[in-house]
Amino acid sequence: MSPEAIPRLLNDYLPAVEISAMLIVATVIFRLVAKTVIRFILLAVLAAVAVFLYLNQAPLRTCARTCACELADTEITVPACATDEG
């Protein structure tokens, strides 16, 4: 291949190389964004559980001591407490 043919060859294949490079970069960016979004969703769920438990500290303490369980204004039955009574 002569040196004069190299620029023409690059001009012929440059659009395909550019499209391939852009697809690779887009795939990498998409995967990074997807992982970040999943992490933020998981963090938000954990924060919501933490806030829920913090706001319901007193009912949870009462439930642990007396087996009279009411959580989020809903009476619940704990199976371990039911077996202790009978």
Protein backbone atom coordinates (compact mmCIF):
# COMPACT_ATOMS: atom_id res chain seq x y z
CA MET A 1 0.00 0.00 0.00
CA SER A 2 1.42 3.32 -0.98
CA PRO A 3 1.50 6.26 1.45
CA GLU A 4 -0.77 8.22 -0.89
CA ALA A 5 -3.53 5.63 -0.45
CA ILE A 6 -3.66 5.93 3.35
CA PRO A 7 -5.61 9.24 3.52
CA ARG A 8 -8.13 7.96 0.97
CA LEU A 9 -8.50 4.73 2.94
CA LEU A 10 -9.05 6.70 6.16
CA ASN A 11 -11.66 8.85 4.45
CA ASP A 12 -13.47 5.73 3.27
CA TYR A 13 -13.63 4.06 6.69
CA LEU A 14 -13.66 7.06 9.03
CA PRO A 15 -17.48 7.33 9.29
CA ALA A 16 -17.74 3.66 10.27
CA VAL A 17 -14.99 4.08 12.87
CA GLU A 18 -16.65 7.21 14.25
CA ILE A 19 -20.05 5.49 14.53
CA SER A 20 -18.48 2.47 16.23
CA ALA A 21 -16.61 4.67 18.69
CA MET A 22 -19.75 6.66 19.48
CA LEU A 23 -21.74 3.46 20.07
CA ILE A 24 -19.07 2.16 22.43
CA VAL A 25 -18.95 5.46 24.35
CA ALA A 26 -22.76 5.64 24.48
CA THR A 27 -22.94 2.08 25.82
CA VAL A 28 -20.40 2.81 28.54
CA ILE A 29 -22.19 6.02 29.54
CA PHE A 30 -25.57 4.27 29.56
CA ARG A 31 -24.25 1.50 31.83
CA LEU A 32 -22.69 4.02 34.23
CA VAL A 33 -25.90 6.05 34.39
CA ALA A 34 -28.01 2.93 34.88
CA LYS A 35 -25.81 1.72 37.74
CA THR A 36 -25.91 5.17 39.34
CA VAL A 37 -29.71 5.35 39.09
CA ILE A 38 -30.06 1.89 40.63
CA ARG A 39 -27.76 2.91 43.49
CA PHE A 40 -29.76 6.09 44.11
CA ILE A 41 -33.03 4.14 44.13
CA LEU A 42 -31.57 1.63 46.59
CA LEU A 43 -30.28 4.47 48.76
CA ALA A 44 -33.71 6.15 48.70
CA VAL A 45 -35.44 2.91 49.75
CA LEU A 46 -32.98 2.40 52.60
CA ALA A 47 -33.45 6.01 53.71
CA ALA A 48 -37.24 5.57 53.64
CA VAL A 49 -36.99 2.43 55.78
CA ALA A 50 -34.68 4.23 58.21
CA VAL A 51 -37.09 7.18 58.52
CA PHE A 52 -40.06 4.81 58.97
CA LEU A 53 -38.27 2.93 61.74
CA TYR A 54 -37.14 6.16 63.40
CA LEU A 55 -40.67 7.56 63.42
CA ASN A 56 -42.07 4.31 64.85
CA GLN A 57 -39.56 3.79 67.66
CA ALA A 58 -42.08 3.91 70.49
CA PRO A 59 -44.54 1.41 68.98
CA LEU A 60 -41.69 -0.95 68.16
CA ARG A 61 -40.40 -0.79 71.76
CA THR A 62 -43.90 -1.45 73.10
CA CYS A 63 -44.27 -4.35 70.70
CA ALA A 64 -40.99 -5.87 71.82
CA ARG A 65 -41.90 -5.59 75.51
CA THR A 66 -45.60 -6.44 75.61
CA CYS A 67 -46.41 -8.12 72.27
CA ALA A 68 -49.13 -5.49 71.76
CA CYS A 69 -47.99 -4.54 68.32
CA GLU A 70 -49.33 -1.56 66.41
CA LEU A 71 -47.27 -0.21 63.59
CA ALA A 72 -48.27 2.72 61.36
CA ASP A 73 -51.71 2.76 63.03
CA THR A 74 -52.28 -0.87 62.07
CA GLU A 75 -52.53 -3.66 64.60
CA ILE A 76 -50.30 -6.57 63.66
CA THR A 77 -49.88 -10.04 65.09
CA VAL A 78 -46.39 -11.34 65.69
CA PRO A 79 -46.20 -15.14 65.33
CA ALA A 80 -43.60 -15.49 68.08
CA CYS A 81 -45.89 -13.71 70.55
CA ALA A 82 -48.87 -15.88 69.58
CA THR A 83 -46.96 -19.10 70.36
CA ASP A 84 -45.74 -17.74 73.73
CA GLU A 85 -49.28 -17.02 74.91
CA GLY A 86 -50.72 -20.47 74.16
